[in-house]
Structures are given as structure tokens and as C-alpha cells.
PDB file of all heavy atoms in Angstrom:
ATOM      1  N   THR A   1       0.852  -1.202   0.011  1.00  0.00           N
ATOM      2  CA  THR A   1      -0.021  -0.034   0.030  1.00  0.00           C
ATOM      3  C   THR A   1       0.849   1.271  -0.010  1.00  0.00           C
ATOM      4  O   THR A   1       2.141   1.129   0.174  1.00  0.00           O
ATOM      5  CB  THR A   1      -0.870   0.027   1.210  1.00  0.00           C
ATOM      6  OG1 THR A   1      -0.046   0.244   2.366  1.00  0.00           O
ATOM      7  CG2 THR A   1      -1.637  -1.299   1.394  1.00  0.00           C
ATOM      8  N   ALA A   2       0.228   2.380  -0.097  1.00  0.00           N
ATOM      9  CA  ALA A   2       0.983   3.652   0.000  1.00  0.00           C
ATOM     10  C   ALA A   2       1.671   3.886   1.319  1.00  0.00           C
ATOM     11  O   ALA A   2       2.586   4.746   1.433  1.00  0.00           O
ATOM     12  CB  ALA A   2       0.071   4.789  -0.276  1.00  0.00           C
ATOM     13  N   ALA A   3       1.342   3.047   2.391  1.00  0.00           N
ATOM     14  CA  ALA A   3       1.989   3.144   3.619  1.00  0.00           C
ATOM     15  C   ALA A   3       3.056   2.065   3.740  1.00  0.00           C
ATOM     16  O   ALA A   3       3.560   1.870   4.912  1.00  0.00           O
ATOM     17  CB  ALA A   3       0.915   2.932   4.821  1.00  0.00           C
ATOM     18  N   PHE A   4       3.499   1.443   2.724  1.00  0.00           N
ATOM     19  CA  PHE A   4       4.510   0.434   2.685  1.00  0.00           C
ATOM     20  C   PHE A   4       4.085  -0.844   3.454  1.00  0.00           C
ATOM     21  O   PHE A   4       4.955  -1.530   3.981  1.00  0.00           O
ATOM     22  CB  PHE A   4       5.874   0.950   3.177  1.00  0.00           C
ATOM     23  CG  PHE A   4       6.269   2.184   2.387  1.00  0.00           C
ATOM     24  CD1 PHE A   4       6.179   3.446   2.972  1.00  0.00           C
ATOM     25  CD2 PHE A   4       6.691   2.142   1.069  1.00  0.00           C
ATOM     26  CE1 PHE A   4       6.550   4.625   2.273  1.00  0.00           C
ATOM     27  CE2 PHE A   4       7.072   3.315   0.395  1.00  0.00           C
ATOM     28  CZ  PHE A   4       7.000   4.593   0.987  1.00  0.00           C
ATOM     29  N   GLU A   5       2.811  -1.057   3.563  1.00  0.00           N
ATOM     30  CA  GLU A   5       2.263  -2.237   4.252  1.00  0.00           C
ATOM     31  C   GLU A   5       1.791  -3.268   3.218  1.00  0.00           C
ATOM     32  O   GLU A   5       1.362  -2.853   2.154  1.00  0.00           O
ATOM     33  CB  GLU A   5       1.064  -1.808   5.159  1.00  0.00           C
ATOM     34  CG  GLU A   5       0.524  -2.908   6.017  1.00  0.00           C
ATOM     35  CD  GLU A   5      -0.673  -2.398   6.919  1.00  0.00           C
ATOM     36  OE1 GLU A   5      -1.344  -1.468   6.459  1.00  0.00           O
ATOM     37  OE2 GLU A   5      -0.771  -2.937   8.033  1.00  0.00           O
ATOM     38  N   SER A   6       1.912  -4.549   3.593  1.00  0.00           N
ATOM     39  CA  SER A   6       1.423  -5.588   2.717  1.00  0.00           C
ATOM     40  C   SER A   6      -0.003  -5.361   2.385  1.00  0.00           C
ATOM     41  O   SER A   6      -0.878  -4.971   3.256  1.00  0.00           O
ATOM     42  CB  SER A   6       1.679  -6.896   3.393  1.00  0.00           C
ATOM     43  OG  SER A   6       0.990  -8.016   2.675  1.00  0.00           O
ATOM     44  N   VAL A   7      -0.337  -5.595   1.048  1.00  0.00           N
ATOM     45  CA  VAL A   7      -1.724  -5.433   0.683  1.00  0.00           C
ATOM     46  C   VAL A   7      -2.721  -6.384   1.341  1.00  0.00           C
ATOM     47  O   VAL A   7      -3.891  -6.182   1.290  1.00  0.00           O
ATOM     48  CB  VAL A   7      -1.860  -5.335  -0.837  1.00  0.00           C
ATOM     49  CG1 VAL A   7      -1.071  -4.214  -1.412  1.00  0.00           C
ATOM     50  CG2 VAL A   7      -1.455  -6.756  -1.453  1.00  0.00           C
ATOM     51  N   ASN A   8      -2.116  -7.488   1.746  1.00  0.00           N
ATOM     52  CA  ASN A   8      -3.022  -8.588   2.288  1.00  0.00           C
ATOM     53  C   ASN A   8      -2.687  -8.991   3.680  1.00  0.00           C
ATOM     54  O   ASN A   8      -3.417  -9.907   4.284  1.00  0.00           O
ATOM     55  CB  ASN A   8      -3.020  -9.827   1.327  1.00  0.00           C
ATOM     56  CG  ASN A   8      -1.690 -10.481   1.341  1.00  0.00           C
ATOM     57  OD1 ASN A   8      -0.614  -9.844   1.063  1.00  0.00           O
ATOM     58  ND2 ASN A   8      -1.586 -11.765   1.426  1.00  0.00           N
ATOM     59  N   VAL A   9      -1.631  -8.558   4.314  1.00  0.00           N
ATOM     60  CA  VAL A   9      -1.261  -8.863   5.714  1.00  0.00           C
ATOM     61  C   VAL A   9      -1.100  -7.634   6.508  1.00  0.00           C
ATOM     62  O   VAL A   9      -0.034  -7.017   6.534  1.00  0.00           O
ATOM     63  CB  VAL A   9       0.135  -9.719   5.698  1.00  0.00           C
ATOM     64  CG1 VAL A   9       0.375 -10.185   7.124  1.00  0.00           C
ATOM     65  CG2 VAL A   9       0.058 -10.906   4.710  1.00  0.00           C
ATOM     66  N   PRO A  10      -2.126  -7.208   7.227  1.00  0.00           N
ATOM     67  CA  PRO A  10      -2.008  -6.056   8.060  1.00  0.00           C
ATOM     68  C   PRO A  10      -0.932  -6.148   9.161  1.00  0.00           C
ATOM     69  O   PRO A  10      -0.655  -7.329   9.662  1.00  0.00           O
ATOM     70  CB  PRO A  10      -3.463  -5.973   8.712  1.00  0.00           C
ATOM     71  CG  PRO A  10      -4.258  -6.713   7.790  1.00  0.00           C
ATOM     72  CD  PRO A  10      -3.432  -7.806   7.242  1.00  0.00           C
ATOM     73  N   GLY A  11      -0.177  -5.053   9.367  1.00  0.00           N
ATOM     74  CA  GLY A  11       0.829  -5.118  10.307  1.00  0.00           C
ATOM     75  C   GLY A  11       2.239  -5.637   9.811  1.00  0.00           C
ATOM     76  O   GLY A  11       3.196  -5.534  10.462  1.00  0.00           O
ATOM     77  N   LEU A  12       2.269  -6.019   8.542  1.00  0.00           N
ATOM     78  CA  LEU A  12       3.513  -6.463   7.909  1.00  0.00           C
ATOM     79  C   LEU A  12       3.909  -5.320   6.952  1.00  0.00           C
ATOM     80  O   LEU A  12       3.308  -5.018   5.963  1.00  0.00           O
ATOM     81  CB  LEU A  12       3.355  -7.700   7.057  1.00  0.00           C
ATOM     82  CG  LEU A  12       4.494  -8.362   6.398  1.00  0.00           C
ATOM     83  CD1 LEU A  12       5.613  -8.683   7.325  1.00  0.00           C
ATOM     84  CD2 LEU A  12       4.168  -9.516   5.613  1.00  0.00           C
ATOM     85  N   TYR A  13       5.097  -4.720   7.282  1.00  0.00           N
ATOM     86  CA  TYR A  13       5.673  -3.624   6.454  1.00  0.00           C
ATOM     87  C   TYR A  13       6.928  -3.905   5.815  1.00  0.00           C
ATOM     88  O   TYR A  13       7.598  -4.928   6.187  1.00  0.00           O
ATOM     89  CB  TYR A  13       5.832  -2.407   7.416  1.00  0.00           C
ATOM     90  CG  TYR A  13       4.550  -1.855   7.982  1.00  0.00           C
ATOM     91  CD1 TYR A  13       4.050  -2.264   9.204  1.00  0.00           C
ATOM     92  CD2 TYR A  13       3.897  -0.761   7.371  1.00  0.00           C
ATOM     93  CE1 TYR A  13       2.860  -1.759   9.731  1.00  0.00           C
ATOM     94  CE2 TYR A  13       2.696  -0.276   7.968  1.00  0.00           C
ATOM     95  CZ  TYR A  13       2.222  -0.734   9.135  1.00  0.00           C
ATOM     96  OH  TYR A  13       1.123  -0.205   9.702  1.00  0.00           O
ATOM     97  N   PHE A  14       7.299  -3.184   4.924  1.00  0.00           N
ATOM     98  CA  PHE A  14       8.530  -3.335   4.088  1.00  0.00           C
ATOM     99  C   PHE A  14       9.404  -2.035   4.054  1.00  0.00           C
ATOM    100  O   PHE A  14       8.825  -0.867   3.951  1.00  0.00           O
ATOM    101  CB  PHE A  14       8.204  -3.840   2.687  1.00  0.00           C
ATOM    102  CG  PHE A  14       7.409  -5.142   2.686  1.00  0.00           C
ATOM    103  CD1 PHE A  14       6.008  -4.999   2.633  1.00  0.00           C
ATOM    104  CD2 PHE A  14       8.029  -6.354   2.834  1.00  0.00           C
ATOM    105  CE1 PHE A  14       5.150  -6.219   2.615  1.00  0.00           C
ATOM    106  CE2 PHE A  14       7.188  -7.508   2.979  1.00  0.00           C
ATOM    107  CZ  PHE A  14       5.832  -7.412   2.798  1.00  0.00           C
ATOM    108  N   ALA A  15      10.613  -2.195   4.125  1.00  0.00           N
ATOM    109  CA  ALA A  15      11.542  -1.057   4.080  1.00  0.00           C
ATOM    110  C   ALA A  15      12.768  -1.270   3.165  1.00  0.00           C
ATOM    111  O   ALA A  15      13.135  -2.484   2.970  1.00  0.00           O
ATOM    112  CB  ALA A  15      12.035  -0.681   5.488  1.00  0.00           C
ATOM    113  N   GLY A  16      13.327  -0.257   2.594  1.00  0.00           N
ATOM    114  CA  GLY A  16      14.458  -0.383   1.757  1.00  0.00           C
ATOM    115  C   GLY A  16      14.203  -0.651   0.301  1.00  0.00           C
ATOM    116  O   GLY A  16      13.089  -0.204  -0.223  1.00  0.00           O
ATOM    117  N   THR A  17      15.038  -1.402  -0.342  1.00  0.00           N
ATOM    118  CA  THR A  17      14.880  -1.690  -1.704  1.00  0.00           C
ATOM    119  C   THR A  17      13.625  -2.428  -2.081  1.00  0.00           C
ATOM    120  O   THR A  17      13.124  -2.397  -3.247  1.00  0.00           O
ATOM    121  CB  THR A  17      16.097  -2.494  -2.239  1.00  0.00           C
ATOM    122  OG1 THR A  17      16.106  -2.467  -3.690  1.00  0.00           O
ATOM    123  CG2 THR A  17      16.117  -3.939  -1.766  1.00  0.00           C
ATOM    124  N   LEU A  18      12.980  -3.095  -1.124  1.00  0.00           N
ATOM    125  CA  LEU A  18      11.719  -3.795  -1.335  1.00  0.00           C
ATOM    126  C   LEU A  18      10.638  -2.751  -1.628  1.00  0.00           C
ATOM    127  O   LEU A  18       9.594  -3.080  -2.337  1.00  0.00           O
ATOM    128  CB  LEU A  18      11.326  -4.592  -0.121  1.00  0.00           C
ATOM    129  CG  LEU A  18      12.158  -5.835   0.186  1.00  0.00           C
ATOM    130  CD1 LEU A  18      11.718  -6.524   1.419  1.00  0.00           C
ATOM    131  CD2 LEU A  18      12.056  -6.900  -1.027  1.00  0.00           C
ATOM    132  N   SER A  19      10.756  -1.574  -1.110  1.00  0.00           N
ATOM    133  CA  SER A  19       9.713  -0.594  -1.276  1.00  0.00           C
ATOM    134  C   SER A  19       9.674   0.060  -2.747  1.00  0.00           C
ATOM    135  O   SER A  19       8.758   0.788  -3.121  1.00  0.00           O
ATOM    136  CB  SER A  19       9.975   0.623  -0.378  1.00  0.00           C
ATOM    137  OG  SER A  19      11.160   1.299  -0.566  1.00  0.00           O
ATOM    138  N   GLN A  20      10.588  -0.408  -3.581  1.00  0.00           N
ATOM    139  CA  GLN A  20      10.628   0.100  -4.973  1.00  0.00           C
ATOM    140  C   GLN A  20       9.405  -0.470  -5.786  1.00  0.00           C
ATOM    141  O   GLN A  20       9.154   0.029  -6.896  1.00  0.00           O
ATOM    142  CB  GLN A  20      11.939  -0.222  -5.757  1.00  0.00           C
ATOM    143  CG  GLN A  20      12.075  -1.772  -5.987  1.00  0.00           C
ATOM    144  CD  GLN A  20      13.398  -1.974  -6.748  1.00  0.00           C
ATOM    145  OE1 GLN A  20      13.648  -1.726  -7.886  1.00  0.00           O
ATOM    146  NE2 GLN A  20      14.361  -2.547  -5.952  1.00  0.00           N
ATOM    147  N   GLU A  21       8.736  -1.460  -5.150  1.00  0.00           N
ATOM    148  CA  GLU A  21       7.435  -1.829  -5.830  1.00  0.00           C
ATOM    149  C   GLU A  21       6.535  -0.659  -6.051  1.00  0.00           C
ATOM    150  O   GLU A  21       5.690  -0.665  -6.919  1.00  0.00           O
ATOM    151  CB  GLU A  21       6.833  -2.923  -5.029  1.00  0.00           C
ATOM    152  CG  GLU A  21       5.506  -3.566  -5.614  1.00  0.00           C
ATOM    153  CD  GLU A  21       4.234  -2.823  -5.288  1.00  0.00           C
ATOM    154  OE1 GLU A  21       4.209  -2.213  -4.233  1.00  0.00           O
ATOM    155  OE2 GLU A  21       3.326  -3.035  -6.146  1.00  0.00           O
ATOM    156  N   ARG A  22       6.606   0.339  -5.218  1.00  0.00           N
ATOM    157  CA  ARG A  22       5.798   1.541  -5.258  1.00  0.00           C
ATOM    158  C   ARG A  22       6.160   2.509  -6.401  1.00  0.00           C
ATOM    159  O   ARG A  22       5.314   3.279  -6.791  1.00  0.00           O
ATOM    160  CB  ARG A  22       5.791   2.317  -3.907  1.00  0.00           C
ATOM    161  CG  ARG A  22       5.224   1.551  -2.706  1.00  0.00           C
ATOM    162  CD  ARG A  22       3.744   1.440  -2.787  1.00  0.00           C
ATOM    163  NE  ARG A  22       3.116   2.683  -3.053  1.00  0.00           N
ATOM    164  CZ  ARG A  22       1.824   2.897  -3.394  1.00  0.00           C
ATOM    165  NH1 ARG A  22       1.078   1.821  -3.614  1.00  0.00           N
ATOM    166  NH2 ARG A  22       1.268   4.005  -3.641  1.00  0.00           N
ATOM    167  N   ASP A  23       7.430   2.364  -6.819  1.00  0.00           N
ATOM    168  CA  ASP A  23       7.794   3.329  -7.950  1.00  0.00           C
ATOM    169  C   ASP A  23       8.731   2.684  -8.875  1.00  0.00           C
ATOM    170  O   ASP A  23       9.688   3.251  -9.373  1.00  0.00           O
ATOM    171  CB  ASP A  23       8.564   4.548  -7.264  1.00  0.00           C
ATOM    172  CG  ASP A  23       9.812   4.255  -6.751  1.00  0.00           C
ATOM    173  OD1 ASP A  23       9.975   3.111  -6.123  1.00  0.00           O
ATOM    174  OD2 ASP A  23      10.749   5.033  -6.734  1.00  0.00           O
ATOM    175  N   PHE A  24       8.440   1.468  -9.172  1.00  0.00           N
ATOM    176  CA  PHE A  24       9.294   0.483 -10.004  1.00  0.00           C
ATOM    177  C   PHE A  24       9.797   1.177 -11.297  1.00  0.00           C
ATOM    178  O   PHE A  24       8.967   1.537 -12.108  1.00  0.00           O
ATOM    179  CB  PHE A  24       8.639  -0.813 -10.305  1.00  0.00           C
ATOM    180  CG  PHE A  24       9.585  -1.844 -10.828  1.00  0.00           C
ATOM    181  CD1 PHE A  24      10.679  -2.244 -10.148  1.00  0.00           C
ATOM    182  CD2 PHE A  24       9.312  -2.385 -12.054  1.00  0.00           C
ATOM    183  CE1 PHE A  24      11.505  -3.238 -10.685  1.00  0.00           C
ATOM    184  CE2 PHE A  24      10.099  -3.342 -12.636  1.00  0.00           C
ATOM    185  CZ  PHE A  24      11.236  -3.746 -11.896  1.00  0.00           C
ATOM    186  N   LYS A  25      11.135   1.341 -11.322  1.00  0.00           N
ATOM    187  CA  LYS A  25      11.787   1.985 -12.523  1.00  0.00           C
ATOM    188  C   LYS A  25      11.280   3.394 -12.858  1.00  0.00           C
ATOM    189  O   LYS A  25      11.422   3.829 -13.965  1.00  0.00           O
ATOM    190  CB  LYS A  25      11.664   1.060 -13.763  1.00  0.00           C
ATOM    191  CG  LYS A  25      12.408  -0.301 -13.558  1.00  0.00           C
ATOM    192  CD  LYS A  25      12.540  -1.081 -14.809  1.00  0.00           C
ATOM    193  CE  LYS A  25      13.291  -2.353 -14.509  1.00  0.00           C
ATOM    194  NZ  LYS A  25      13.531  -3.206 -15.750  1.00  0.00           N
ATOM    195  N   ARG A  26      10.744   4.132 -11.814  1.00  0.00           N
ATOM    196  CA  ARG A  26      10.322   5.485 -11.954  1.00  0.00           C
ATOM    197  C   ARG A  26      11.168   6.396 -11.127  1.00  0.00           C
ATOM    198  O   ARG A  26      11.436   7.659 -11.529  1.00  0.00           O
ATOM    199  CB  ARG A  26       8.844   5.629 -11.752  1.00  0.00           C
ATOM    200  CG  ARG A  26       7.999   5.027 -12.759  1.00  0.00           C
ATOM    201  CD  ARG A  26       6.593   5.302 -12.524  1.00  0.00           C
ATOM    202  NE  ARG A  26       6.050   4.707 -11.202  1.00  0.00           N
ATOM    203  CZ  ARG A  26       5.823   5.353 -10.192  1.00  0.00           C
ATOM    204  NH1 ARG A  26       5.949   6.707 -10.170  1.00  0.00           N
ATOM    205  NH2 ARG A  26       5.373   4.804  -9.058  1.00  0.00           N
TER     206      ARG A  26
END
């Protein structure tokens, strides 16, 4: 999500290079 939280697992967040899913190659 826009809060870097898993779209299907509440309370599970991601930081670092994994967050590039939000702006992949942009």
C-alpha cells in the first residue's frame, strides 16, 4: 500500500529496496 504495508497482511511492512514496488523503475 502507500503506507509500505502488505496489501493482504495487516501489520507487515517493508523497508528499503523492497519498497521500490511503489515506484518501480520510475
